N, C-alpha and C. Protein backbone atom coordinates (compact mmCIF):
# COMPACT_ATOMS: atom_id res chain seq x y z
N UNK A 1 41.89 192.22 -59.16
CA UNK A 1 40.82 191.27 -59.52
C UNK A 1 40.90 190.04 -58.66
N UNK A 2 42.15 189.54 -58.38
CA UNK A 2 42.31 188.33 -57.53
C UNK A 2 41.92 188.61 -56.12
N UNK A 3 42.20 189.81 -55.62
CA UNK A 3 41.81 190.16 -54.24
C UNK A 3 40.31 190.17 -54.12
N UNK A 4 39.62 190.61 -55.13
CA UNK A 4 38.17 190.63 -55.10
C UNK A 4 37.59 189.24 -55.12
N UNK A 5 38.17 188.33 -55.92
CA UNK A 5 37.69 186.94 -55.96
C UNK A 5 37.92 186.21 -54.66
N UNK A 6 39.08 186.50 -54.01
CA UNK A 6 39.37 185.85 -52.72
C UNK A 6 38.38 186.29 -51.69
N UNK A 7 38.05 187.58 -51.68
CA UNK A 7 37.07 188.08 -50.74
C UNK A 7 35.72 187.46 -50.99
N UNK A 8 35.39 187.32 -52.28
CA UNK A 8 34.10 186.70 -52.58
C UNK A 8 34.06 185.25 -52.16
N UNK A 9 35.18 184.53 -52.36
CA UNK A 9 35.21 183.10 -51.95
C UNK A 9 35.09 182.99 -50.46
N UNK A 10 35.78 183.83 -49.70
CA UNK A 10 35.70 183.77 -48.26
C UNK A 10 34.29 184.09 -47.77
N UNK A 11 33.69 185.08 -48.40
CA UNK A 11 32.33 185.42 -48.03
C UNK A 11 31.36 184.28 -48.34
N UNK A 12 31.62 183.66 -49.50
CA UNK A 12 30.76 182.53 -49.88
C UNK A 12 30.90 181.36 -48.93
N UNK A 13 32.13 181.08 -48.54
CA UNK A 13 32.37 179.96 -47.60
C UNK A 13 31.77 180.28 -46.23
N UNK A 14 31.91 181.54 -45.82
CA UNK A 14 31.34 181.92 -44.52
C UNK A 14 29.83 181.80 -44.54
N UNK A 15 29.24 182.21 -45.67
CA UNK A 15 27.80 182.12 -45.79
C UNK A 15 27.35 180.66 -45.83
N UNK A 16 28.14 179.85 -46.53
CA UNK A 16 27.82 178.41 -46.61
C UNK A 16 27.92 177.76 -45.24
N UNK A 17 28.93 178.13 -44.45
CA UNK A 17 29.10 177.54 -43.11
C UNK A 17 27.95 177.91 -42.19
N UNK A 18 27.45 179.13 -42.31
CA UNK A 18 26.35 179.57 -41.45
C UNK A 18 25.03 178.95 -41.83
N UNK A 19 24.84 178.72 -43.12
CA UNK A 19 23.53 178.28 -43.59
C UNK A 19 23.40 176.75 -43.74
N UNK A 20 24.49 176.02 -43.90
CA UNK A 20 24.43 174.59 -44.18
C UNK A 20 24.86 173.80 -42.92
N UNK A 21 23.94 173.02 -42.28
CA UNK A 21 24.31 172.23 -41.09
C UNK A 21 25.30 171.13 -41.41
N UNK A 22 25.25 170.54 -42.58
CA UNK A 22 26.19 169.47 -42.93
C UNK A 22 27.62 169.98 -42.96
N UNK A 23 27.78 171.19 -43.47
CA UNK A 23 29.12 171.76 -43.48
C UNK A 23 29.62 172.00 -42.07
N UNK A 24 28.74 172.44 -41.19
CA UNK A 24 29.12 172.64 -39.78
C UNK A 24 29.58 171.31 -39.14
N UNK A 25 28.83 170.24 -39.37
CA UNK A 25 29.20 168.92 -38.78
C UNK A 25 30.52 168.43 -39.34
N UNK A 26 30.73 168.63 -40.64
CA UNK A 26 32.00 168.19 -41.24
C UNK A 26 33.18 168.94 -40.66
N UNK A 27 32.99 170.27 -40.44
CA UNK A 27 34.05 171.07 -39.86
C UNK A 27 34.35 170.64 -38.44
N UNK A 28 33.30 170.32 -37.63
CA UNK A 28 33.50 169.88 -36.23
C UNK A 28 34.22 168.55 -36.19
N UNK A 29 33.86 167.61 -37.08
CA UNK A 29 34.54 166.31 -37.12
C UNK A 29 36.00 166.46 -37.50
N UNK A 30 36.29 167.38 -38.44
CA UNK A 30 37.66 167.59 -38.83
C UNK A 30 38.50 168.15 -37.67
N UNK A 31 37.86 169.04 -36.90
CA UNK A 31 38.57 169.62 -35.74
C UNK A 31 38.87 168.55 -34.70
N UNK A 32 37.93 167.62 -34.46
CA UNK A 32 38.14 166.54 -33.46
C UNK A 32 39.26 165.62 -33.91
N UNK A 33 39.28 165.28 -35.19
CA UNK A 33 40.33 164.40 -35.70
C UNK A 33 41.69 165.07 -35.58
N UNK A 34 41.73 166.39 -35.88
CA UNK A 34 42.98 167.11 -35.77
C UNK A 34 43.48 167.16 -34.33
N UNK A 35 42.58 167.37 -33.37
CA UNK A 35 42.96 167.40 -31.95
C UNK A 35 43.47 166.04 -31.49
N UNK A 36 42.83 164.93 -31.90
CA UNK A 36 43.28 163.58 -31.49
C UNK A 36 44.66 163.25 -32.07
N UNK A 37 44.89 163.71 -33.32
CA UNK A 37 46.19 163.46 -33.94
C UNK A 37 47.29 164.23 -33.22
N UNK A 38 47.01 165.45 -32.84
CA UNK A 38 47.98 166.22 -32.09
C UNK A 38 48.26 165.61 -30.70
N UNK A 39 47.19 165.08 -30.05
CA UNK A 39 47.35 164.50 -28.68
C UNK A 39 48.21 163.24 -28.75
N UNK A 40 47.93 162.39 -29.71
CA UNK A 40 48.71 161.15 -29.80
C UNK A 40 50.15 161.41 -30.22
N UNK A 41 50.39 162.51 -30.90
CA UNK A 41 51.77 162.80 -31.35
C UNK A 41 52.60 163.39 -30.24
N UNK A 42 52.01 164.27 -29.43
CA UNK A 42 52.77 164.96 -28.39
C UNK A 42 52.63 164.33 -27.02
N UNK A 43 51.71 163.36 -26.83
CA UNK A 43 51.53 162.76 -25.49
C UNK A 43 52.71 161.87 -25.14
N UNK A 44 53.14 161.76 -23.81
CA UNK A 44 54.26 160.87 -23.42
C UNK A 44 53.82 159.40 -23.49
N UNK A 45 54.82 158.48 -23.49
CA UNK A 45 54.52 157.06 -23.61
C UNK A 45 53.87 156.49 -22.36
N UNK A 46 54.23 156.96 -21.19
CA UNK A 46 53.68 156.46 -19.93
C UNK A 46 53.14 157.61 -19.13
N UNK A 47 52.20 157.31 -18.27
CA UNK A 47 51.63 158.32 -17.39
C UNK A 47 52.62 158.62 -16.29
N UNK A 48 52.48 159.79 -15.61
CA UNK A 48 53.43 160.13 -14.54
C UNK A 48 53.43 159.13 -13.40
N UNK A 49 52.25 158.55 -13.07
CA UNK A 49 52.21 157.60 -11.96
C UNK A 49 52.82 156.27 -12.30
N UNK A 50 52.94 155.91 -13.60
CA UNK A 50 53.46 154.61 -14.00
C UNK A 50 54.83 154.75 -14.68
N UNK A 51 55.47 155.91 -14.55
CA UNK A 51 56.72 156.14 -15.25
C UNK A 51 57.81 155.23 -14.72
N UNK A 52 58.54 154.58 -15.59
CA UNK A 52 59.58 153.63 -15.23
C UNK A 52 60.84 154.40 -14.89
N UNK A 53 61.47 154.14 -13.78
CA UNK A 53 62.70 154.87 -13.45
C UNK A 53 63.80 154.54 -14.46
N UNK A 54 64.67 155.54 -14.63
CA UNK A 54 65.72 155.39 -15.62
C UNK A 54 66.81 154.44 -15.16
N UNK A 55 66.99 154.33 -13.86
CA UNK A 55 68.04 153.48 -13.34
C UNK A 55 67.65 152.02 -13.46
N UNK A 56 68.54 151.15 -13.86
CA UNK A 56 68.31 149.73 -13.99
C UNK A 56 68.79 149.03 -12.73
N UNK A 57 68.09 148.01 -12.29
CA UNK A 57 68.44 147.28 -11.06
C UNK A 57 69.08 145.95 -11.39
N UNK A 58 69.58 145.78 -12.57
CA UNK A 58 70.24 144.54 -12.91
C UNK A 58 69.34 143.54 -13.59
N UNK A 59 68.02 143.81 -13.74
CA UNK A 59 67.11 142.90 -14.41
C UNK A 59 67.19 143.08 -15.91
N UNK A 60 66.87 142.03 -16.63
CA UNK A 60 66.93 142.05 -18.09
C UNK A 60 65.56 142.25 -18.70
N UNK A 61 64.61 142.80 -17.94
CA UNK A 61 63.27 143.01 -18.45
C UNK A 61 63.20 144.29 -19.25
N UNK A 62 62.41 144.23 -20.29
CA UNK A 62 62.22 145.43 -21.07
C UNK A 62 61.16 146.33 -20.40
N UNK A 63 61.01 147.56 -20.86
CA UNK A 63 60.05 148.47 -20.21
C UNK A 63 58.62 147.94 -20.18
N UNK A 64 58.21 147.19 -21.20
CA UNK A 64 56.85 146.67 -21.19
C UNK A 64 56.64 145.64 -20.07
N UNK A 65 57.65 144.77 -19.88
CA UNK A 65 57.53 143.76 -18.81
C UNK A 65 57.54 144.43 -17.44
N UNK A 66 58.39 145.43 -17.27
CA UNK A 66 58.41 146.14 -15.98
C UNK A 66 57.08 146.84 -15.73
N UNK A 67 56.49 147.38 -16.77
CA UNK A 67 55.19 148.01 -16.61
C UNK A 67 54.12 147.01 -16.22
N UNK A 68 54.18 145.79 -16.82
CA UNK A 68 53.21 144.75 -16.43
C UNK A 68 53.37 144.32 -14.99
N UNK A 69 54.64 144.25 -14.52
CA UNK A 69 54.86 143.89 -13.13
C UNK A 69 54.35 144.97 -12.19
N UNK A 70 54.53 146.21 -12.55
CA UNK A 70 54.04 147.29 -11.70
C UNK A 70 52.53 147.36 -11.63
N UNK A 71 51.85 146.79 -12.59
CA UNK A 71 50.39 146.78 -12.55
C UNK A 71 49.84 145.74 -11.59
N UNK A 72 50.68 144.81 -11.14
CA UNK A 72 50.22 143.80 -10.19
C UNK A 72 49.93 144.44 -8.84
N UNK A 73 48.97 143.89 -8.07
CA UNK A 73 48.68 144.50 -6.75
C UNK A 73 49.83 144.28 -5.79
N UNK A 74 50.01 145.24 -4.90
CA UNK A 74 51.03 145.17 -3.89
C UNK A 74 50.52 144.30 -2.76
N UNK A 75 51.02 143.05 -2.60
CA UNK A 75 50.51 142.12 -1.59
C UNK A 75 50.80 142.61 -0.19
N UNK A 76 51.96 143.22 0.00
CA UNK A 76 52.29 143.69 1.34
C UNK A 76 51.37 144.81 1.79
N UNK A 77 50.84 145.57 0.83
CA UNK A 77 49.96 146.66 1.18
C UNK A 77 48.57 146.18 1.60
N UNK A 78 48.25 144.93 1.31
CA UNK A 78 46.93 144.40 1.69
C UNK A 78 46.83 144.09 3.16
N UNK A 79 47.93 144.07 3.91
CA UNK A 79 47.87 143.77 5.32
C UNK A 79 47.72 142.30 5.63
N UNK A 80 47.95 141.42 4.64
CA UNK A 80 47.78 139.98 4.83
C UNK A 80 49.06 139.21 4.52
N UNK A 81 50.17 139.91 4.44
CA UNK A 81 51.40 139.23 4.07
C UNK A 81 51.87 138.27 5.15
N UNK A 82 51.57 138.54 6.43
CA UNK A 82 52.03 137.67 7.51
C UNK A 82 51.03 136.62 7.94
N UNK A 83 49.88 136.53 7.28
CA UNK A 83 48.87 135.55 7.66
C UNK A 83 49.11 134.23 6.95
N UNK A 84 48.89 133.13 7.67
CA UNK A 84 49.02 131.79 7.10
C UNK A 84 47.64 131.25 6.77
N UNK A 85 47.56 130.37 5.80
CA UNK A 85 46.25 129.73 5.51
C UNK A 85 45.86 128.79 6.64
N UNK A 86 44.63 128.30 6.64
CA UNK A 86 44.23 127.33 7.67
C UNK A 86 45.09 126.10 7.65
N UNK A 87 45.15 125.43 8.81
CA UNK A 87 46.02 124.26 8.95
C UNK A 87 45.62 123.16 7.96
N UNK A 88 44.32 123.04 7.66
CA UNK A 88 43.88 121.98 6.75
C UNK A 88 44.40 122.20 5.34
N UNK A 89 44.80 123.43 4.99
CA UNK A 89 45.27 123.72 3.63
C UNK A 89 46.80 123.73 3.52
N UNK A 90 47.49 123.52 4.64
CA UNK A 90 48.95 123.50 4.62
C UNK A 90 49.42 122.08 4.38
N UNK A 91 50.16 121.82 3.34
CA UNK A 91 50.69 120.51 3.02
C UNK A 91 52.21 120.51 3.21
N UNK A 92 52.71 119.51 3.86
CA UNK A 92 54.13 119.41 4.12
C UNK A 92 54.86 118.95 2.86
N UNK A 93 55.94 119.67 2.52
CA UNK A 93 56.74 119.31 1.35
C UNK A 93 57.77 118.29 1.78
N UNK A 94 57.66 117.06 1.29
CA UNK A 94 58.55 115.98 1.71
C UNK A 94 59.97 116.19 1.20
N UNK A 95 60.14 116.98 0.14
CA UNK A 95 61.47 117.18 -0.40
C UNK A 95 62.23 118.29 0.31
N UNK A 96 61.53 119.18 0.95
CA UNK A 96 62.19 120.30 1.61
C UNK A 96 62.26 120.15 3.12
N UNK A 97 61.31 119.43 3.70
CA UNK A 97 61.26 119.27 5.15
C UNK A 97 61.33 117.80 5.48
N UNK A 98 62.18 117.44 6.41
CA UNK A 98 62.31 116.05 6.86
C UNK A 98 61.75 115.87 8.25
N UNK A 99 60.87 116.72 8.67
CA UNK A 99 60.26 116.60 9.99
C UNK A 99 59.33 115.39 10.00
N UNK A 100 59.10 114.79 11.16
CA UNK A 100 58.18 113.64 11.21
C UNK A 100 56.75 114.05 10.87
N UNK A 101 56.01 113.07 10.40
CA UNK A 101 54.63 113.34 10.04
C UNK A 101 53.81 113.72 11.28
N UNK A 102 52.80 114.55 11.11
CA UNK A 102 52.00 114.92 12.27
C UNK A 102 51.28 113.73 12.85
N UNK A 103 51.04 113.73 14.15
CA UNK A 103 50.35 112.59 14.76
C UNK A 103 48.92 112.48 14.23
N UNK A 104 48.39 111.27 14.21
CA UNK A 104 47.00 111.12 13.74
C UNK A 104 46.02 111.79 14.71
N UNK A 105 44.91 112.18 14.20
CA UNK A 105 43.94 112.85 15.08
C UNK A 105 43.42 111.87 16.14
N UNK A 106 43.19 112.42 17.29
CA UNK A 106 42.69 111.61 18.40
C UNK A 106 41.24 111.20 18.16
N UNK A 107 41.01 109.92 18.34
CA UNK A 107 39.66 109.38 18.17
C UNK A 107 38.94 109.45 19.51
N UNK A 108 37.81 110.07 19.50
CA UNK A 108 37.05 110.20 20.73
C UNK A 108 36.49 108.84 21.12
N UNK A 109 36.76 108.38 22.33
CA UNK A 109 36.25 107.06 22.72
C UNK A 109 34.73 107.09 22.83
N UNK A 110 34.12 105.95 22.52
CA UNK A 110 32.64 105.92 22.64
C UNK A 110 32.21 106.07 24.09
N UNK A 111 31.05 106.60 24.28
CA UNK A 111 30.56 106.76 25.66
C UNK A 111 30.36 105.41 26.33
N UNK A 112 30.60 105.33 27.62
CA UNK A 112 30.40 104.04 28.30
C UNK A 112 28.93 103.63 28.28
N UNK A 113 28.70 102.34 28.24
CA UNK A 113 27.30 101.88 28.24
C UNK A 113 26.60 102.24 29.55
N UNK A 114 25.32 102.42 29.51
CA UNK A 114 24.60 102.76 30.74
C UNK A 114 24.66 101.60 31.73
N UNK A 115 24.65 101.90 33.00
CA UNK A 115 24.69 100.82 33.99
C UNK A 115 23.45 99.94 33.89
N UNK A 116 23.61 98.64 34.18
CA UNK A 116 22.44 97.77 34.08
C UNK A 116 21.38 98.10 35.10
N UNK A 117 20.15 97.88 34.71
CA UNK A 117 19.02 98.12 35.61
C UNK A 117 18.91 97.02 36.64
N UNK A 118 18.18 97.23 37.72
CA UNK A 118 18.00 96.14 38.71
C UNK A 118 17.38 94.89 38.09
N UNK A 119 16.50 95.04 37.12
CA UNK A 119 15.90 93.87 36.50
C UNK A 119 16.97 93.09 35.72
N UNK A 120 17.85 93.81 34.99
CA UNK A 120 18.89 93.10 34.26
C UNK A 120 19.87 92.41 35.20
N UNK A 121 20.20 93.07 36.29
CA UNK A 121 21.09 92.43 37.27
C UNK A 121 20.47 91.17 37.85
N UNK A 122 19.17 91.20 38.10
CA UNK A 122 18.50 90.01 38.65
C UNK A 122 18.47 88.90 37.61
N UNK A 123 18.25 89.23 36.33
CA UNK A 123 18.27 88.19 35.29
C UNK A 123 19.65 87.58 35.16
N UNK A 124 20.70 88.41 35.24
CA UNK A 124 22.05 87.88 35.15
C UNK A 124 22.36 86.96 36.33
N UNK A 125 21.97 87.40 37.53
CA UNK A 125 22.21 86.54 38.70
C UNK A 125 21.49 85.23 38.61
N UNK A 126 20.22 85.27 38.11
CA UNK A 126 19.42 84.04 38.00
C UNK A 126 20.04 83.10 36.95
N UNK A 127 20.51 83.69 35.82
CA UNK A 127 21.12 82.84 34.78
C UNK A 127 22.41 82.20 35.29
N UNK A 128 23.21 82.93 36.07
CA UNK A 128 24.44 82.36 36.61
C UNK A 128 24.13 81.26 37.63
N UNK A 129 23.11 81.50 38.45
CA UNK A 129 22.75 80.49 39.44
C UNK A 129 22.22 79.22 38.77
N UNK A 130 21.43 79.37 37.73
CA UNK A 130 20.92 78.20 37.01
C UNK A 130 22.05 77.44 36.34
N UNK A 131 23.01 78.19 35.78
CA UNK A 131 24.14 77.53 35.13
C UNK A 131 24.93 76.73 36.15
N UNK A 132 25.12 77.27 37.36
CA UNK A 132 25.83 76.53 38.39
C UNK A 132 25.07 75.29 38.82
N UNK A 133 23.74 75.39 38.93
CA UNK A 133 22.94 74.23 39.30
C UNK A 133 22.98 73.14 38.21
N UNK A 134 22.91 73.57 36.95
CA UNK A 134 22.92 72.59 35.87
C UNK A 134 24.28 71.91 35.75
N UNK A 135 25.35 72.62 36.11
CA UNK A 135 26.66 72.01 36.07
C UNK A 135 26.81 70.88 37.08
N UNK A 136 26.00 70.91 38.16
CA UNK A 136 26.07 69.88 39.18
C UNK A 136 25.12 68.71 38.97
N UNK A 137 24.57 68.50 37.77
CA UNK A 137 23.64 67.41 37.50
C UNK A 137 24.36 66.06 37.56
N UNK A 138 23.67 64.99 37.82
CA UNK A 138 24.32 63.64 37.89
C UNK A 138 24.55 63.05 36.50
N UNK A 139 25.42 63.67 35.73
CA UNK A 139 25.65 63.23 34.37
C UNK A 139 26.64 62.07 34.27
N UNK A 140 27.16 61.61 35.43
CA UNK A 140 28.08 60.49 35.40
C UNK A 140 27.35 59.15 35.44
N UNK A 141 26.00 59.17 35.45
CA UNK A 141 25.23 57.93 35.46
C UNK A 141 24.84 57.53 34.04
N UNK A 142 24.63 56.23 33.85
CA UNK A 142 24.17 55.70 32.58
C UNK A 142 22.97 54.80 32.87
N UNK A 143 21.82 55.09 32.24
CA UNK A 143 20.59 54.37 32.51
C UNK A 143 20.55 53.06 31.73
N UNK A 144 20.22 51.96 32.44
CA UNK A 144 20.14 50.63 31.83
C UNK A 144 18.70 50.17 31.65
N UNK A 145 17.83 50.52 32.57
CA UNK A 145 16.45 50.06 32.53
C UNK A 145 15.89 50.03 33.95
N UNK A 146 14.81 49.25 34.18
CA UNK A 146 14.21 49.19 35.52
C UNK A 146 13.70 47.76 35.78
N UNK A 147 13.36 47.55 37.02
CA UNK A 147 12.75 46.29 37.45
C UNK A 147 11.83 46.60 38.64
N UNK A 148 10.96 45.68 38.88
CA UNK A 148 10.00 45.82 39.97
C UNK A 148 10.60 45.23 41.25
N UNK A 149 10.67 46.04 42.26
CA UNK A 149 11.17 45.58 43.54
C UNK A 149 10.06 45.45 44.56
N UNK A 150 10.31 44.79 45.61
CA UNK A 150 9.31 44.59 46.67
C UNK A 150 10.01 44.81 48.02
N UNK A 151 9.54 45.74 48.80
CA UNK A 151 8.32 46.54 48.63
C UNK A 151 8.56 47.89 48.03
N UNK A 152 9.75 48.17 47.44
CA UNK A 152 10.11 49.51 46.96
C UNK A 152 9.41 49.87 45.66
N UNK A 153 8.89 48.90 44.93
CA UNK A 153 8.23 49.20 43.68
C UNK A 153 9.20 49.28 42.52
N UNK A 154 9.00 50.26 41.63
CA UNK A 154 9.86 50.42 40.44
C UNK A 154 11.25 50.91 40.86
N UNK A 155 12.24 50.22 40.35
CA UNK A 155 13.65 50.56 40.69
C UNK A 155 14.40 50.74 39.38
N UNK A 156 15.12 51.86 39.29
CA UNK A 156 15.91 52.13 38.11
C UNK A 156 17.31 51.58 38.24
N UNK A 157 17.79 50.95 37.19
CA UNK A 157 19.14 50.39 37.19
C UNK A 157 20.07 51.32 36.42
N UNK A 158 21.16 51.72 37.03
CA UNK A 158 22.12 52.65 36.43
C UNK A 158 23.53 52.06 36.57
N UNK A 159 24.41 52.65 35.79
CA UNK A 159 25.82 52.32 35.91
C UNK A 159 26.58 53.61 36.16
N UNK A 160 27.44 53.59 37.16
CA UNK A 160 28.31 54.74 37.44
C UNK A 160 29.74 54.26 37.21
N UNK A 161 30.23 54.48 36.03
CA UNK A 161 31.51 53.90 35.64
C UNK A 161 31.34 52.40 35.46
N UNK A 162 32.04 51.61 36.26
CA UNK A 162 31.92 50.15 36.24
C UNK A 162 31.07 49.62 37.40
N UNK A 163 30.48 50.52 38.16
CA UNK A 163 29.73 50.11 39.36
C UNK A 163 28.23 50.25 39.11
N UNK A 164 27.44 49.15 39.34
CA UNK A 164 25.98 49.26 39.18
C UNK A 164 25.37 50.03 40.36
N UNK A 165 24.34 50.84 40.01
CA UNK A 165 23.65 51.67 41.01
C UNK A 165 22.14 51.50 40.80
N UNK A 166 21.38 51.30 41.88
CA UNK A 166 19.92 51.22 41.77
C UNK A 166 19.32 52.40 42.52
N UNK A 167 18.31 53.01 41.89
CA UNK A 167 17.65 54.19 42.45
C UNK A 167 16.14 54.03 42.35
N UNK A 168 15.44 54.40 43.39
CA UNK A 168 13.99 54.36 43.37
C UNK A 168 13.44 55.74 43.09
N UNK A 169 12.17 55.82 42.73
CA UNK A 169 11.53 57.10 42.49
C UNK A 169 11.61 57.97 43.74
N UNK A 170 11.91 59.26 43.53
CA UNK A 170 12.03 60.20 44.64
C UNK A 170 13.42 60.33 45.20
N UNK A 171 14.35 59.52 44.72
CA UNK A 171 15.74 59.61 45.21
C UNK A 171 16.34 60.94 44.76
N UNK A 172 17.04 61.62 45.68
CA UNK A 172 17.67 62.90 45.37
C UNK A 172 19.17 62.71 45.35
N UNK A 173 19.76 63.11 44.23
CA UNK A 173 21.21 63.04 44.06
C UNK A 173 21.80 64.45 44.05
N UNK A 174 22.99 64.55 44.59
CA UNK A 174 23.72 65.84 44.57
C UNK A 174 22.85 66.97 45.12
N UNK A 175 22.12 66.67 46.15
CA UNK A 175 21.36 67.63 46.97
C UNK A 175 20.10 68.16 46.30
N UNK A 176 20.07 68.31 44.95
CA UNK A 176 18.91 68.98 44.35
C UNK A 176 18.40 68.28 43.09
N UNK A 177 18.87 67.12 42.74
CA UNK A 177 18.40 66.43 41.54
C UNK A 177 17.61 65.20 41.97
N UNK A 178 16.32 65.25 41.66
CA UNK A 178 15.38 64.23 42.13
C UNK A 178 14.96 63.36 40.96
N UNK A 179 14.94 62.03 41.19
CA UNK A 179 14.48 61.08 40.17
C UNK A 179 12.96 61.10 40.17
N UNK A 180 12.35 61.58 39.09
CA UNK A 180 10.89 61.75 39.04
C UNK A 180 10.23 60.80 38.06
N UNK A 181 10.99 60.13 37.20
CA UNK A 181 10.35 59.26 36.20
C UNK A 181 11.30 58.13 35.84
N UNK A 182 10.73 56.87 35.83
CA UNK A 182 11.46 55.68 35.39
C UNK A 182 10.59 54.95 34.39
N UNK A 183 11.04 54.89 33.14
CA UNK A 183 10.29 54.23 32.08
C UNK A 183 11.18 53.18 31.44
N UNK A 184 10.60 52.49 30.43
CA UNK A 184 11.37 51.44 29.77
C UNK A 184 12.61 51.98 29.07
N UNK A 185 12.47 53.14 28.44
CA UNK A 185 13.57 53.64 27.61
C UNK A 185 14.29 54.85 28.19
N UNK A 186 13.82 55.39 29.30
CA UNK A 186 14.50 56.56 29.84
C UNK A 186 14.17 56.78 31.30
N UNK A 187 15.03 57.59 31.93
CA UNK A 187 14.80 58.04 33.30
C UNK A 187 15.02 59.56 33.32
N UNK A 188 14.27 60.22 34.20
CA UNK A 188 14.30 61.67 34.21
C UNK A 188 14.54 62.18 35.62
N UNK A 189 15.46 63.17 35.71
CA UNK A 189 15.74 63.86 36.95
C UNK A 189 15.29 65.33 36.82
N UNK A 190 14.90 65.89 37.98
CA UNK A 190 14.43 67.28 38.02
C UNK A 190 15.12 68.02 39.16
N UNK A 191 15.51 69.28 38.88
CA UNK A 191 16.15 70.10 39.92
C UNK A 191 15.07 70.62 40.87
N UNK A 192 15.31 70.48 42.16
CA UNK A 192 14.31 70.90 43.15
C UNK A 192 14.27 72.40 43.35
N UNK A 193 15.36 73.11 43.03
CA UNK A 193 15.38 74.56 43.19
C UNK A 193 14.78 75.25 41.97
N UNK A 194 15.11 74.75 40.80
CA UNK A 194 14.59 75.30 39.55
C UNK A 194 13.92 74.15 38.79
N UNK A 195 12.62 74.01 38.89
CA UNK A 195 11.94 72.85 38.27
C UNK A 195 12.07 72.78 36.76
N UNK A 196 12.39 73.90 36.11
CA UNK A 196 12.55 73.87 34.65
C UNK A 196 13.86 73.21 34.21
N UNK A 197 14.77 72.94 35.15
CA UNK A 197 16.01 72.25 34.83
C UNK A 197 15.80 70.75 34.97
N UNK A 198 16.01 70.03 33.87
CA UNK A 198 15.77 68.57 33.88
C UNK A 198 16.91 67.87 33.17
N UNK A 199 17.07 66.58 33.56
CA UNK A 199 18.08 65.72 32.95
C UNK A 199 17.40 64.41 32.57
N UNK A 200 17.39 64.12 31.25
CA UNK A 200 16.75 62.91 30.72
C UNK A 200 17.86 61.96 30.25
N UNK A 201 17.81 60.72 30.77
CA UNK A 201 18.77 59.68 30.37
C UNK A 201 18.03 58.59 29.62
N UNK A 202 18.47 58.33 28.38
CA UNK A 202 17.82 57.33 27.54
C UNK A 202 18.70 56.08 27.46
N UNK A 203 18.01 54.96 27.30
CA UNK A 203 18.71 53.67 27.20
C UNK A 203 19.36 53.57 25.83
N UNK A 204 20.61 53.16 25.79
CA UNK A 204 21.34 52.93 24.54
C UNK A 204 21.95 51.55 24.59
N UNK A 205 21.99 50.90 23.42
CA UNK A 205 22.58 49.56 23.35
C UNK A 205 24.10 49.60 23.49
N UNK A 206 24.69 50.72 23.12
CA UNK A 206 26.15 50.83 23.25
C UNK A 206 26.55 50.81 24.71
N UNK A 207 27.82 50.50 24.92
CA UNK A 207 28.29 50.39 26.29
C UNK A 207 28.25 51.76 27.00
N UNK A 208 28.45 52.81 26.24
CA UNK A 208 28.41 54.14 26.84
C UNK A 208 27.06 54.78 26.54
N UNK A 209 26.23 54.91 27.54
CA UNK A 209 24.91 55.49 27.36
C UNK A 209 24.98 56.98 27.13
N UNK A 210 23.90 57.52 26.61
CA UNK A 210 23.81 58.94 26.29
C UNK A 210 22.76 59.60 27.14
N UNK A 211 23.08 60.72 27.71
CA UNK A 211 22.14 61.50 28.53
C UNK A 211 21.61 62.64 27.70
N UNK A 212 20.34 62.91 27.82
CA UNK A 212 19.70 64.05 27.16
C UNK A 212 19.39 65.07 28.22
N UNK A 213 19.98 66.23 28.09
CA UNK A 213 19.81 67.28 29.10
C UNK A 213 18.74 68.26 28.62
N UNK A 214 17.87 68.62 29.52
CA UNK A 214 16.85 69.65 29.23
C UNK A 214 17.15 70.82 30.13
N UNK A 215 17.38 72.00 29.47
CA UNK A 215 17.75 73.18 30.22
C UNK A 215 16.87 74.34 29.78
C-alpha cells in the first residue's frame, strides 16, 4: 500500500511540475541557490593569479595587506621609472642637500634705442651751440641808468665790479652780444648769431644789480 502511495505522490509531483509554471520557477531558483552555496563552500580564497606565496620575506604583513600591495600597479613596468619631472617641478630639499642655490635666471637686456635721426641730431647740435652762446653773455655788468651824451646820444652807465663802464647803443660785447636798448629802468643785449637769445638788465637800488636773462 505504501509503495502505491509513493508512486502516486511522485506521479502527482511530476504532473504538477509539468503543468504549473510557478512550481518550475521555484525549482529553478532552488537549484541556483544550491549551486551558489556549493561554489562559495568549495572555491579557494584567492585566485591563481593573485595567490600569495607560502614563503615569508621577513615582513609582518598579513595576507590581506600583501594582497592589497599586489593590486597596486607595477611602476617599473610602465616604462617611466627612469624619467624625471620637469625642472620647474623639482624642489631642492634643504635638509638633505647642501648644494648652493641655483643661479637666478638671466634677464634679457632691453633692446638698444634706435639711432637718432638727422633732424634730432641737428636739434641737439643747435641746442648745444645756443647753450654755449648764452654762457658767454656779459652777465658781469650791472646797469645803473643812462645819460645823454654829445654827440654820441644816449649812453648807458654800467658797473663792472668796482669799475664804471659806459656803453652806447650798438656796442657789441664778447663778440656777439649787442646793446640794442637803453631805458630808464633797464638795458637789453641781443645775441647777433641767435636773435632769440637776449639779456635784460634792470636797475636795482641795492648795490648788487640783478640781470634778467631771456633764453
